Structures are given as structure tokens and as C-alpha cells.
Amino acid sequence: MKNSIVKDAIVLFLITLLSGLALGVVHELTLEPIAAAQQAAANKTYQEVFPDAVTFETTEELAGKVEEANLDAVNWGYGAVTIDECLEAKNGAGEVLGYVINATSPDGYAGDLQISVGISKDKKVLGLGFLSISETPGLGLKANEPAFKDQFVGKDASGDIERIKTGTANEQQFNALSGATYTSTAVGNALNASIRFFNNISEG
């Protein structure tokens, strides 16, 4: 009886060990394809928000500025927004046309909402896209539709862009989504934090 219990324990241990090893191998094999797919999706969004750029690259200097900004972002008045990354948007000749800034707001209805915004050197918003959004279909998820995103093209990025509920938005306003206050607020906070960051690095 005792030998049987020991034998069963050894068999169970070996099965668990082999299963763990198999899962580890599968995990390692899928890491690279998943990362490649995520990067391809991000590049597609970058092209969407900065159509004239050919390449998007970060630098050690910009990465340092992102770290510095996040130490102070809590004082900016945009909730708990974080600046995730800043990329130089370059043309085919390698000239910097502006920046793509990624920012995350935790204030969406379903939690974190990550945007990507392209801003030209002459302080114009060229586009706004989403790297991550899981809002309610038919309500907050409408933020990822052209009818909402396209309104940001050409907005003045010299200061905050105000969220309005009704009326015709001007150069420094955007129309909120009807019935999706949390989503609209999160987008506005992430956008304005990105603009604040852009102006900080542009001014030195």
C-alpha cells in the first residue's frame, strides 16, 4: 500500500513537471509572435495619427523626459494619467516632423484606456487613435470610430482641448460621446496630458 502511494506521488510529480515544462516551452514560443503582432498594431496606429511620417523612434533623451513627466503628472490636473512613451515622427529624409505620444488614463468606464496622439512641430493635432480600449459596445467603444476620432484632426495643441457636451466645437474643443461621460473624460485627460508633455519638451 505504501509503495503504491509513493509510486502514485512520483507519477503525479512527473506529470506536473512535464506539464509545466511544456507550458513554459509554449509560452516562450509564443512570446515573439505576440510581441511582433502588438508592435505591428502599434505601428498601424502611429501611422494613423501621423500620416506623413515614415518612421517612429524614441530616444534615450525622450525616455528620460517621460520618466520626469510622470513624477509630476499627478499635479497636472488630468487625474492619474501616465505618459507611456514619446516617439519622434520622421519623414523619409530622417527629419523630425513632430511627435507621437502614448498616454494612459485609468478613468475609462471599463478601466485603463490608452491613446496615441500625433502632434506636429507647429502644434497641430494630426490624429488620435487607441492602443487599448475596452469600453462598452455601443457607448464608450464608439470612441474608436472615425466619427469620434476624426474630430481631433487639426485641433490646436498649444493648450488644453476642452470637452463639450453640445454645440459646435472650435479649435480647442471636442464633442463628448453621448452617454459615455467616463470615456470622454478619460480621452480628454489622456489627450491633454499628451499635449502638456508635448509643450514641455517643445519649450526646452
N, C-alpha and C. Protein backbone atom coordinates (compact mmCIF):
# COMPACT_ATOMS: atom_id res chain seq x y z
N MET A 1 0.83 -1.21 0.00
CA MET A 1 0.00 0.00 0.00
C MET A 1 0.87 1.26 0.00
N LYS A 2 1.89 1.22 0.89
CA LYS A 2 2.80 2.37 1.00
C LYS A 2 3.52 2.60 -0.32
N ASN A 3 4.01 1.51 -0.93
CA ASN A 3 4.72 1.63 -2.22
C ASN A 3 3.82 2.20 -3.31
N SER A 4 2.56 1.81 -3.26
CA SER A 4 1.58 2.29 -4.25
C SER A 4 1.39 3.80 -4.13
N ILE A 5 1.32 4.28 -2.87
CA ILE A 5 1.15 5.71 -2.64
C ILE A 5 2.36 6.49 -3.14
N VAL A 6 3.55 5.98 -2.84
CA VAL A 6 4.80 6.62 -3.29
C VAL A 6 4.86 6.65 -4.81
N LYS A 7 4.49 5.49 -5.41
CA LYS A 7 4.51 5.39 -6.87
C LYS A 7 3.55 6.42 -7.49
N ASP A 8 2.34 6.53 -6.93
CA ASP A 8 1.34 7.49 -7.44
C ASP A 8 1.83 8.92 -7.29
N ALA A 9 2.51 9.18 -6.17
CA ALA A 9 3.03 10.53 -5.92
C ALA A 9 4.11 10.88 -6.94
N ILE A 10 4.97 9.90 -7.24
CA ILE A 10 6.04 10.13 -8.21
C ILE A 10 5.47 10.37 -9.60
N VAL A 11 4.47 9.57 -9.97
CA VAL A 11 3.83 9.73 -11.28
C VAL A 11 3.18 11.10 -11.40
N LEU A 12 2.47 11.50 -10.32
CA LEU A 12 1.81 12.80 -10.31
C LEU A 12 2.83 13.94 -10.42
N PHE A 13 3.96 13.77 -9.72
CA PHE A 13 5.02 14.77 -9.77
C PHE A 13 5.58 14.90 -11.19
N LEU A 14 5.83 13.74 -11.82
CA LEU A 14 6.39 13.76 -13.17
C LEU A 14 5.41 14.39 -14.17
N ILE A 15 4.12 14.08 -14.01
CA ILE A 15 3.11 14.66 -14.90
C ILE A 15 3.07 16.18 -14.74
N THR A 16 3.10 16.61 -13.47
CA THR A 16 3.08 18.06 -13.19
C THR A 16 4.33 18.73 -13.75
N LEU A 17 5.49 18.09 -13.57
CA LEU A 17 6.75 18.64 -14.06
C LEU A 17 6.75 18.77 -15.58
N LEU A 18 6.31 17.69 -16.25
CA LEU A 18 6.30 17.70 -17.72
C LEU A 18 5.29 18.72 -18.26
N SER A 19 4.15 18.83 -17.58
CA SER A 19 3.13 19.80 -18.00
C SER A 19 3.67 21.22 -17.86
N GLY A 20 4.36 21.46 -16.74
CA GLY A 20 4.95 22.78 -16.52
C GLY A 20 5.99 23.11 -17.57
N LEU A 21 6.84 22.13 -17.88
CA LEU A 21 7.86 22.35 -18.90
C LEU A 21 7.24 22.62 -20.27
N ALA A 22 6.18 21.86 -20.58
CA ALA A 22 5.50 22.04 -21.87
C ALA A 22 4.88 23.43 -21.96
N LEU A 23 4.25 23.87 -20.88
CA LEU A 23 3.65 25.21 -20.87
C LEU A 23 4.72 26.29 -21.01
N GLY A 24 5.85 26.05 -20.36
CA GLY A 24 6.95 27.01 -20.45
C GLY A 24 7.48 27.12 -21.87
N VAL A 25 7.61 25.99 -22.55
CA VAL A 25 8.09 26.00 -23.93
C VAL A 25 7.10 26.72 -24.84
N VAL A 26 5.80 26.41 -24.67
CA VAL A 26 4.77 27.07 -25.48
C VAL A 26 4.78 28.58 -25.24
N HIS A 27 4.93 28.96 -23.96
CA HIS A 27 4.97 30.39 -23.62
C HIS A 27 6.13 31.09 -24.33
N GLU A 28 7.30 30.47 -24.28
CA GLU A 28 8.48 31.06 -24.92
C GLU A 28 8.30 31.16 -26.44
N LEU A 29 7.69 30.12 -27.02
CA LEU A 29 7.50 30.10 -28.46
C LEU A 29 6.51 31.16 -28.94
N THR A 30 5.55 31.49 -28.08
CA THR A 30 4.52 32.46 -28.48
C THR A 30 4.87 33.89 -28.12
N LEU A 31 5.86 34.11 -27.26
CA LEU A 31 6.22 35.45 -26.84
C LEU A 31 6.59 36.35 -28.02
N GLU A 32 7.46 35.84 -28.88
CA GLU A 32 7.94 36.65 -30.01
C GLU A 32 6.82 36.99 -31.00
N PRO A 33 6.01 36.00 -31.43
CA PRO A 33 4.91 36.34 -32.34
C PRO A 33 3.91 37.32 -31.74
N ILE A 34 3.62 37.17 -30.44
CA ILE A 34 2.68 38.09 -29.78
C ILE A 34 3.26 39.50 -29.76
N ALA A 35 4.55 39.60 -29.40
CA ALA A 35 5.21 40.91 -29.36
C ALA A 35 5.23 41.55 -30.75
N ALA A 36 5.48 40.74 -31.78
CA ALA A 36 5.52 41.25 -33.15
C ALA A 36 4.14 41.75 -33.57
N ALA A 37 3.10 41.01 -33.20
CA ALA A 37 1.73 41.42 -33.54
C ALA A 37 1.35 42.71 -32.83
N GLN A 38 1.75 42.83 -31.57
CA GLN A 38 1.46 44.05 -30.81
C GLN A 38 2.18 45.25 -31.41
N GLN A 39 3.44 45.05 -31.83
CA GLN A 39 4.19 46.15 -32.42
C GLN A 39 3.60 46.56 -33.76
N ALA A 40 3.16 45.57 -34.54
CA ALA A 40 2.54 45.86 -35.84
C ALA A 40 1.26 46.68 -35.65
N ALA A 41 0.47 46.32 -34.63
CA ALA A 41 -0.77 47.05 -34.33
C ALA A 41 -0.45 48.48 -33.89
N ALA A 42 0.61 48.62 -33.08
CA ALA A 42 1.01 49.95 -32.61
C ALA A 42 1.48 50.80 -33.79
N ASN A 43 2.29 50.21 -34.67
CA ASN A 43 2.78 50.95 -35.85
C ASN A 43 1.64 51.42 -36.74
N LYS A 44 0.62 50.58 -36.86
CA LYS A 44 -0.55 50.96 -37.65
C LYS A 44 -1.25 52.17 -37.04
N THR A 45 -1.34 52.19 -35.71
CA THR A 45 -1.95 53.33 -35.02
C THR A 45 -1.09 54.58 -35.18
N TYR A 46 0.23 54.43 -35.07
CA TYR A 46 1.14 55.57 -35.24
C TYR A 46 0.97 56.19 -36.63
N GLN A 47 0.84 55.34 -37.64
CA GLN A 47 0.65 55.83 -39.00
C GLN A 47 -0.69 56.53 -39.15
N GLU A 48 -1.66 56.05 -38.41
CA GLU A 48 -3.00 56.65 -38.43
C GLU A 48 -2.97 58.06 -37.84
N VAL A 49 -2.22 58.23 -36.75
CA VAL A 49 -2.23 59.53 -36.06
C VAL A 49 -1.18 60.50 -36.60
N PHE A 50 -0.24 59.99 -37.41
CA PHE A 50 0.76 60.88 -38.02
C PHE A 50 1.03 60.38 -39.43
N PRO A 51 0.08 60.62 -40.35
CA PRO A 51 0.12 60.04 -41.69
C PRO A 51 1.36 60.39 -42.52
N ASP A 52 1.95 61.56 -42.30
CA ASP A 52 3.09 61.98 -43.13
C ASP A 52 4.42 61.38 -42.69
N ALA A 53 4.45 60.74 -41.53
CA ALA A 53 5.70 60.17 -41.03
C ALA A 53 5.97 58.81 -41.65
N VAL A 54 7.26 58.49 -41.76
CA VAL A 54 7.68 57.20 -42.32
C VAL A 54 8.19 56.28 -41.21
N THR A 55 8.89 56.88 -40.24
CA THR A 55 9.41 56.09 -39.12
C THR A 55 9.05 56.75 -37.79
N PHE A 56 9.02 55.92 -36.76
CA PHE A 56 8.69 56.39 -35.42
C PHE A 56 9.72 55.82 -34.45
N GLU A 57 10.49 56.71 -33.83
CA GLU A 57 11.60 56.25 -32.99
C GLU A 57 11.66 57.04 -31.69
N THR A 58 11.96 56.32 -30.62
CA THR A 58 12.19 57.01 -29.36
C THR A 58 13.69 57.20 -29.17
N THR A 59 14.06 58.00 -28.20
CA THR A 59 15.47 58.24 -27.89
C THR A 59 15.64 58.15 -26.38
N GLU A 60 16.88 58.03 -25.95
CA GLU A 60 17.14 58.00 -24.50
C GLU A 60 16.70 59.30 -23.86
N GLU A 61 16.91 60.40 -24.57
CA GLU A 61 16.51 61.71 -24.04
C GLU A 61 15.01 61.78 -23.83
N LEU A 62 14.24 61.33 -24.83
CA LEU A 62 12.78 61.36 -24.70
C LEU A 62 12.30 60.40 -23.61
N ALA A 63 12.94 59.24 -23.51
CA ALA A 63 12.56 58.28 -22.46
C ALA A 63 12.80 58.91 -21.09
N GLY A 64 13.88 59.66 -20.96
CA GLY A 64 14.16 60.34 -19.70
C GLY A 64 13.13 61.41 -19.38
N LYS A 65 12.69 62.13 -20.42
CA LYS A 65 11.68 63.17 -20.23
C LYS A 65 10.33 62.56 -19.84
N VAL A 66 10.04 61.37 -20.37
CA VAL A 66 8.81 60.67 -19.99
C VAL A 66 8.85 60.32 -18.51
N GLU A 67 9.99 59.81 -18.05
CA GLU A 67 10.13 59.47 -16.64
C GLU A 67 9.96 60.71 -15.76
N GLU A 68 10.57 61.80 -16.16
CA GLU A 68 10.47 63.05 -15.40
C GLU A 68 9.02 63.54 -15.35
N ALA A 69 8.35 63.47 -16.49
CA ALA A 69 6.96 63.94 -16.58
C ALA A 69 6.06 63.17 -15.64
N ASN A 70 6.26 61.87 -15.56
CA ASN A 70 5.38 61.05 -14.73
C ASN A 70 5.57 61.28 -13.23
N LEU A 71 6.69 61.86 -12.87
CA LEU A 71 6.90 62.23 -11.48
C LEU A 71 6.04 63.44 -11.10
N ASP A 72 5.69 64.22 -12.12
CA ASP A 72 4.95 65.46 -11.87
C ASP A 72 3.52 65.43 -12.40
N ALA A 73 3.18 64.40 -13.20
CA ALA A 73 1.89 64.35 -13.89
C ALA A 73 0.70 64.40 -12.95
N VAL A 74 0.86 63.91 -11.74
CA VAL A 74 -0.24 63.92 -10.77
C VAL A 74 -0.67 65.35 -10.43
N ASN A 75 0.22 66.30 -10.67
CA ASN A 75 -0.09 67.71 -10.37
C ASN A 75 -0.65 68.46 -11.59
N TRP A 76 -0.81 67.78 -12.70
CA TRP A 76 -1.25 68.45 -13.92
C TRP A 76 -2.76 68.67 -13.96
N GLY A 77 -3.50 67.92 -13.16
CA GLY A 77 -4.95 68.09 -13.15
C GLY A 77 -5.70 67.21 -14.13
N TYR A 78 -5.06 66.12 -14.57
CA TYR A 78 -5.71 65.21 -15.53
C TYR A 78 -5.92 63.83 -14.93
N GLY A 79 -6.23 63.79 -13.64
CA GLY A 79 -6.42 62.51 -12.98
C GLY A 79 -5.11 61.76 -12.85
N ALA A 80 -5.17 60.44 -12.90
CA ALA A 80 -3.98 59.60 -12.73
C ALA A 80 -3.38 59.19 -14.07
N VAL A 81 -3.41 60.09 -15.03
CA VAL A 81 -2.87 59.80 -16.37
C VAL A 81 -1.36 59.59 -16.29
N THR A 82 -0.86 58.66 -17.09
CA THR A 82 0.58 58.47 -17.24
C THR A 82 0.97 58.64 -18.70
N ILE A 83 2.13 59.23 -18.93
CA ILE A 83 2.71 59.28 -20.27
C ILE A 83 3.51 58.01 -20.44
N ASP A 84 3.18 57.22 -21.44
CA ASP A 84 3.81 55.91 -21.61
C ASP A 84 5.06 55.95 -22.49
N GLU A 85 5.00 56.75 -23.53
CA GLU A 85 6.11 56.78 -24.49
C GLU A 85 5.97 58.00 -25.39
N CYS A 86 7.12 58.48 -25.85
CA CYS A 86 7.12 59.56 -26.84
C CYS A 86 8.06 59.15 -27.97
N LEU A 87 7.58 59.25 -29.19
CA LEU A 87 8.35 58.85 -30.36
C LEU A 87 8.52 60.03 -31.32
N GLU A 88 9.69 60.15 -31.88
CA GLU A 88 9.90 61.13 -32.94
C GLU A 88 9.26 60.60 -34.22
N ALA A 89 8.45 61.43 -34.86
CA ALA A 89 7.84 61.07 -36.14
C ALA A 89 8.70 61.69 -37.24
N LYS A 90 9.32 60.84 -38.07
CA LYS A 90 10.28 61.33 -39.06
C LYS A 90 9.80 61.06 -40.49
N ASN A 91 10.22 61.92 -41.41
CA ASN A 91 9.94 61.68 -42.82
C ASN A 91 11.02 60.79 -43.43
N GLY A 92 10.94 60.56 -44.73
CA GLY A 92 11.89 59.67 -45.39
C GLY A 92 13.31 60.15 -45.34
N ALA A 93 13.52 61.45 -45.15
CA ALA A 93 14.86 62.02 -45.08
C ALA A 93 15.41 62.02 -43.66
N GLY A 94 14.61 61.51 -42.72
CA GLY A 94 15.06 61.45 -41.34
C GLY A 94 14.81 62.72 -40.54
N GLU A 95 14.05 63.65 -41.12
CA GLU A 95 13.74 64.89 -40.42
C GLU A 95 12.58 64.68 -39.46
N VAL A 96 12.68 65.27 -38.28
CA VAL A 96 11.62 65.14 -37.27
C VAL A 96 10.48 66.10 -37.62
N LEU A 97 9.30 65.53 -37.86
CA LEU A 97 8.12 66.32 -38.22
C LEU A 97 7.29 66.68 -36.99
N GLY A 98 7.48 65.92 -35.94
CA GLY A 98 6.69 66.11 -34.72
C GLY A 98 6.84 64.89 -33.84
N TYR A 99 5.83 64.62 -33.04
CA TYR A 99 5.92 63.52 -32.08
C TYR A 99 4.62 62.72 -32.01
N VAL A 100 4.78 61.46 -31.69
CA VAL A 100 3.65 60.60 -31.33
C VAL A 100 3.79 60.32 -29.85
N ILE A 101 2.75 60.62 -29.10
CA ILE A 101 2.79 60.46 -27.65
C ILE A 101 1.70 59.47 -27.23
N ASN A 102 2.09 58.48 -26.45
CA ASN A 102 1.16 57.49 -25.93
C ASN A 102 0.89 57.79 -24.45
N ALA A 103 -0.37 57.79 -24.08
CA ALA A 103 -0.74 58.08 -22.70
C ALA A 103 -1.89 57.19 -22.27
N THR A 104 -1.93 56.86 -20.99
CA THR A 104 -2.97 56.00 -20.44
C THR A 104 -3.74 56.71 -19.34
N SER A 105 -5.07 56.65 -19.43
CA SER A 105 -5.93 57.13 -18.36
C SER A 105 -6.64 55.94 -17.74
N PRO A 106 -6.67 55.85 -16.41
CA PRO A 106 -7.38 54.75 -15.76
C PRO A 106 -8.85 55.08 -15.52
N ASP A 107 -9.31 56.20 -16.07
CA ASP A 107 -10.64 56.70 -15.74
C ASP A 107 -11.74 56.30 -16.71
N GLY A 108 -11.43 55.37 -17.63
CA GLY A 108 -12.47 54.89 -18.52
C GLY A 108 -13.52 54.10 -17.75
N TYR A 109 -14.66 53.89 -18.35
CA TYR A 109 -15.74 53.15 -17.67
C TYR A 109 -15.29 51.73 -17.35
N ALA A 110 -14.49 51.14 -18.26
CA ALA A 110 -14.02 49.77 -18.05
C ALA A 110 -12.58 49.73 -17.56
N GLY A 111 -12.06 50.87 -17.13
CA GLY A 111 -10.68 50.89 -16.63
C GLY A 111 -9.73 51.61 -17.56
N ASP A 112 -8.52 51.08 -17.70
CA ASP A 112 -7.47 51.73 -18.48
C ASP A 112 -7.87 51.93 -19.94
N LEU A 113 -7.50 53.08 -20.44
CA LEU A 113 -7.75 53.45 -21.83
C LEU A 113 -6.46 54.12 -22.32
N GLN A 114 -5.83 53.55 -23.34
CA GLN A 114 -4.54 54.07 -23.83
C GLN A 114 -4.70 54.67 -25.21
N ILE A 115 -4.31 55.94 -25.32
CA ILE A 115 -4.40 56.62 -26.61
C ILE A 115 -3.01 56.84 -27.19
N SER A 116 -3.00 57.15 -28.47
CA SER A 116 -1.80 57.59 -29.16
C SER A 116 -2.20 58.84 -29.92
N VAL A 117 -1.44 59.91 -29.77
CA VAL A 117 -1.78 61.17 -30.44
C VAL A 117 -0.56 61.70 -31.19
N GLY A 118 -0.80 62.13 -32.42
CA GLY A 118 0.26 62.72 -33.23
C GLY A 118 0.15 64.23 -33.20
N ILE A 119 1.27 64.89 -32.91
CA ILE A 119 1.29 66.35 -32.85
C ILE A 119 2.46 66.87 -33.67
N SER A 120 2.17 67.78 -34.59
CA SER A 120 3.21 68.33 -35.46
C SER A 120 4.02 69.40 -34.74
N LYS A 121 5.16 69.74 -35.30
CA LYS A 121 6.02 70.73 -34.66
C LYS A 121 5.37 72.11 -34.60
N ASP A 122 4.37 72.34 -35.48
CA ASP A 122 3.68 73.63 -35.43
C ASP A 122 2.42 73.57 -34.54
N LYS A 123 2.41 72.58 -33.64
CA LYS A 123 1.40 72.47 -32.59
C LYS A 123 -0.02 72.24 -33.12
N LYS A 124 -0.12 71.28 -34.02
CA LYS A 124 -1.43 70.84 -34.50
C LYS A 124 -1.58 69.34 -34.23
N VAL A 125 -2.76 68.97 -33.73
CA VAL A 125 -3.06 67.55 -33.55
C VAL A 125 -3.33 66.96 -34.93
N LEU A 126 -2.60 65.91 -35.28
CA LEU A 126 -2.76 65.30 -36.60
C LEU A 126 -3.64 64.05 -36.56
N GLY A 127 -3.86 63.56 -35.36
CA GLY A 127 -4.72 62.38 -35.25
C GLY A 127 -4.70 61.82 -33.84
N LEU A 128 -5.75 61.09 -33.51
CA LEU A 128 -5.85 60.42 -32.21
C LEU A 128 -6.33 59.00 -32.46
N GLY A 129 -5.63 58.04 -31.88
CA GLY A 129 -6.01 56.64 -32.02
C GLY A 129 -5.91 55.93 -30.69
N PHE A 130 -6.29 54.65 -30.69
CA PHE A 130 -6.30 53.88 -29.45
C PHE A 130 -5.37 52.68 -29.55
N LEU A 131 -4.51 52.55 -28.56
CA LEU A 131 -3.66 51.36 -28.44
C LEU A 131 -4.36 50.32 -27.58
N SER A 132 -5.25 50.78 -26.71
CA SER A 132 -6.01 49.88 -25.86
C SER A 132 -7.31 50.54 -25.44
N ILE A 133 -8.42 49.86 -25.69
CA ILE A 133 -9.73 50.37 -25.27
C ILE A 133 -10.68 49.18 -25.13
N SER A 134 -11.38 49.13 -24.00
CA SER A 134 -12.32 48.03 -23.77
C SER A 134 -13.61 48.57 -23.15
N GLU A 135 -14.07 49.67 -23.70
CA GLU A 135 -15.28 50.31 -23.19
C GLU A 135 -16.55 49.57 -23.66
N THR A 136 -17.68 50.03 -23.22
CA THR A 136 -18.95 49.36 -23.52
C THR A 136 -19.34 49.50 -25.00
N PRO A 137 -19.59 48.37 -25.69
CA PRO A 137 -20.03 48.45 -27.08
C PRO A 137 -21.29 49.29 -27.22
N GLY A 138 -21.32 50.12 -28.25
CA GLY A 138 -22.49 50.96 -28.49
C GLY A 138 -22.48 52.25 -27.70
N LEU A 139 -21.57 52.36 -26.72
CA LEU A 139 -21.45 53.59 -25.92
C LEU A 139 -20.00 54.07 -25.96
N GLY A 140 -19.22 53.74 -24.93
CA GLY A 140 -17.84 54.21 -24.89
C GLY A 140 -16.97 53.70 -26.01
N LEU A 141 -17.29 52.52 -26.52
CA LEU A 141 -16.46 51.95 -27.59
C LEU A 141 -16.59 52.74 -28.89
N LYS A 142 -17.60 53.60 -28.97
CA LYS A 142 -17.76 54.47 -30.15
C LYS A 142 -16.58 55.45 -30.27
N ALA A 143 -15.82 55.59 -29.20
CA ALA A 143 -14.65 56.46 -29.24
C ALA A 143 -13.64 55.98 -30.28
N ASN A 144 -13.67 54.69 -30.57
CA ASN A 144 -12.72 54.11 -31.52
C ASN A 144 -13.23 54.16 -32.96
N GLU A 145 -14.33 54.87 -33.17
CA GLU A 145 -14.89 55.00 -34.52
C GLU A 145 -14.46 56.34 -35.14
N PRO A 146 -14.31 56.38 -36.47
CA PRO A 146 -13.88 57.61 -37.15
C PRO A 146 -14.72 58.83 -36.80
N ALA A 147 -16.03 58.65 -36.60
CA ALA A 147 -16.90 59.78 -36.30
C ALA A 147 -16.43 60.55 -35.07
N PHE A 148 -15.85 59.84 -34.11
CA PHE A 148 -15.32 60.49 -32.91
C PHE A 148 -13.86 60.90 -33.09
N LYS A 149 -13.03 59.97 -33.56
CA LYS A 149 -11.59 60.22 -33.65
C LYS A 149 -11.23 61.33 -34.63
N ASP A 150 -11.94 61.39 -35.75
CA ASP A 150 -11.58 62.34 -36.80
C ASP A 150 -11.75 63.80 -36.38
N GLN A 151 -12.57 64.05 -35.36
CA GLN A 151 -12.80 65.43 -34.95
C GLN A 151 -11.54 66.08 -34.36
N PHE A 152 -10.57 65.27 -33.96
CA PHE A 152 -9.37 65.83 -33.33
C PHE A 152 -8.34 66.33 -34.35
N VAL A 153 -8.47 65.91 -35.59
CA VAL A 153 -7.51 66.31 -36.62
C VAL A 153 -7.57 67.83 -36.82
N GLY A 154 -6.41 68.46 -36.68
CA GLY A 154 -6.33 69.91 -36.88
C GLY A 154 -6.55 70.75 -35.65
N LYS A 155 -6.83 70.10 -34.51
CA LYS A 155 -7.04 70.86 -33.27
C LYS A 155 -5.75 71.56 -32.85
N ASP A 156 -5.91 72.68 -32.18
CA ASP A 156 -4.79 73.49 -31.70
C ASP A 156 -4.19 72.85 -30.45
N ALA A 157 -2.90 72.48 -30.54
CA ALA A 157 -2.24 71.81 -29.42
C ALA A 157 -1.37 72.76 -28.61
N SER A 158 -1.70 74.04 -28.64
CA SER A 158 -0.92 75.00 -27.85
C SER A 158 -1.39 75.01 -26.39
N GLY A 159 -2.53 74.38 -26.12
CA GLY A 159 -3.06 74.31 -24.75
C GLY A 159 -4.12 73.24 -24.67
N ASP A 160 -4.82 73.17 -23.55
CA ASP A 160 -5.84 72.14 -23.34
C ASP A 160 -6.94 72.20 -24.40
N ILE A 161 -7.47 71.02 -24.72
CA ILE A 161 -8.63 70.91 -25.60
C ILE A 161 -9.82 70.54 -24.72
N GLU A 162 -10.78 71.41 -24.66
CA GLU A 162 -11.91 71.29 -23.73
C GLU A 162 -12.99 70.34 -24.26
N ARG A 163 -13.54 69.54 -23.36
CA ARG A 163 -14.65 68.64 -23.70
C ARG A 163 -15.97 69.39 -23.57
N ILE A 164 -16.79 69.36 -24.62
CA ILE A 164 -18.11 69.98 -24.55
C ILE A 164 -19.18 68.94 -24.86
N LYS A 165 -20.36 69.12 -24.29
CA LYS A 165 -21.43 68.14 -24.46
C LYS A 165 -22.31 68.44 -25.67
N THR A 166 -22.52 69.73 -25.95
CA THR A 166 -23.37 70.11 -27.07
C THR A 166 -22.75 71.29 -27.81
N GLY A 167 -23.26 71.55 -28.99
CA GLY A 167 -22.79 72.69 -29.77
C GLY A 167 -21.66 72.31 -30.71
N THR A 168 -21.23 73.30 -31.47
CA THR A 168 -20.16 73.09 -32.44
C THR A 168 -18.81 73.37 -31.78
N ALA A 169 -17.93 72.40 -31.80
CA ALA A 169 -16.62 72.53 -31.17
C ALA A 169 -15.71 73.43 -32.00
N ASN A 170 -14.95 74.27 -31.31
CA ASN A 170 -13.97 75.11 -32.01
C ASN A 170 -12.61 74.42 -32.00
N GLU A 171 -11.55 75.15 -32.31
CA GLU A 171 -10.21 74.59 -32.47
C GLU A 171 -9.66 74.00 -31.18
N GLN A 172 -10.17 74.44 -30.05
CA GLN A 172 -9.66 73.93 -28.78
C GLN A 172 -10.76 73.27 -27.95
N GLN A 173 -11.69 72.63 -28.66
CA GLN A 173 -12.77 71.89 -28.02
C GLN A 173 -13.02 70.59 -28.79
N PHE A 174 -13.61 69.62 -28.10
CA PHE A 174 -14.07 68.42 -28.79
C PHE A 174 -15.41 68.01 -28.23
N ASN A 175 -16.22 67.36 -29.06
CA ASN A 175 -17.55 66.91 -28.65
C ASN A 175 -17.48 65.57 -27.94
N ALA A 176 -18.01 65.53 -26.73
CA ALA A 176 -18.03 64.30 -25.94
C ALA A 176 -18.99 63.29 -26.58
N LEU A 177 -18.78 62.03 -26.25
CA LEU A 177 -19.68 60.98 -26.70
C LEU A 177 -20.95 61.01 -25.85
N SER A 178 -22.09 60.97 -26.49
CA SER A 178 -23.35 60.95 -25.77
C SER A 178 -23.49 59.65 -24.96
N GLY A 179 -23.80 59.78 -23.68
CA GLY A 179 -23.99 58.61 -22.83
C GLY A 179 -22.72 57.91 -22.41
N ALA A 180 -21.56 58.55 -22.64
CA ALA A 180 -20.27 57.91 -22.29
C ALA A 180 -19.36 58.95 -21.63
N THR A 181 -19.82 59.46 -20.51
CA THR A 181 -19.07 60.51 -19.81
C THR A 181 -17.70 60.04 -19.35
N TYR A 182 -17.63 58.83 -18.80
CA TYR A 182 -16.35 58.31 -18.31
C TYR A 182 -15.34 58.22 -19.46
N THR A 183 -15.77 57.66 -20.58
CA THR A 183 -14.87 57.50 -21.72
C THR A 183 -14.40 58.85 -22.24
N SER A 184 -15.33 59.78 -22.39
CA SER A 184 -14.98 61.10 -22.91
C SER A 184 -14.01 61.82 -21.98
N THR A 185 -14.24 61.68 -20.68
CA THR A 185 -13.34 62.30 -19.70
C THR A 185 -11.96 61.67 -19.77
N ALA A 186 -11.90 60.36 -19.88
CA ALA A 186 -10.61 59.66 -19.94
C ALA A 186 -9.84 60.06 -21.19
N VAL A 187 -10.54 60.14 -22.32
CA VAL A 187 -9.88 60.56 -23.56
C VAL A 187 -9.35 61.99 -23.42
N GLY A 188 -10.19 62.88 -22.89
CA GLY A 188 -9.77 64.26 -22.71
C GLY A 188 -8.57 64.39 -21.79
N ASN A 189 -8.56 63.65 -20.70
CA ASN A 189 -7.44 63.70 -19.77
C ASN A 189 -6.15 63.19 -20.40
N ALA A 190 -6.24 62.05 -21.11
CA ALA A 190 -5.05 61.49 -21.76
C ALA A 190 -4.54 62.41 -22.87
N LEU A 191 -5.47 62.98 -23.62
CA LEU A 191 -5.10 63.90 -24.70
C LEU A 191 -4.42 65.14 -24.15
N ASN A 192 -5.01 65.75 -23.15
CA ASN A 192 -4.44 66.98 -22.61
C ASN A 192 -3.12 66.76 -21.89
N ALA A 193 -2.97 65.59 -21.27
CA ALA A 193 -1.67 65.26 -20.68
C ALA A 193 -0.61 65.12 -21.78
N SER A 194 -1.00 64.53 -22.89
CA SER A 194 -0.08 64.39 -24.03
C SER A 194 0.31 65.76 -24.57
N ILE A 195 -0.67 66.64 -24.69
CA ILE A 195 -0.40 68.00 -25.17
C ILE A 195 0.51 68.74 -24.19
N ARG A 196 0.24 68.58 -22.91
CA ARG A 196 1.08 69.22 -21.87
C ARG A 196 2.52 68.73 -22.01
N PHE A 197 2.68 67.41 -22.17
CA PHE A 197 4.01 66.84 -22.33
C PHE A 197 4.69 67.38 -23.59
N PHE A 198 3.95 67.42 -24.69
CA PHE A 198 4.48 67.95 -25.95
C PHE A 198 4.99 69.37 -25.78
N ASN A 199 4.20 70.21 -25.16
CA ASN A 199 4.61 71.60 -24.98
C ASN A 199 5.80 71.73 -24.04
N ASN A 200 5.87 70.85 -23.07
CA ASN A 200 7.03 70.87 -22.16
C ASN A 200 8.32 70.57 -22.90
N ILE A 201 8.30 69.55 -23.77
CA ILE A 201 9.54 69.19 -24.46
C ILE A 201 9.82 70.17 -25.60
N SER A 202 8.78 70.78 -26.15
CA SER A 202 8.98 71.74 -27.23
C SER A 202 9.62 73.03 -26.72
N GLU A 203 9.30 73.35 -25.49
CA GLU A 203 9.80 74.59 -24.90
C GLU A 203 11.13 74.40 -24.19
N GLY A 204 11.67 73.21 -24.31
CA GLY A 204 13.00 73.02 -23.78
C GLY A 204 13.17 72.03 -22.72
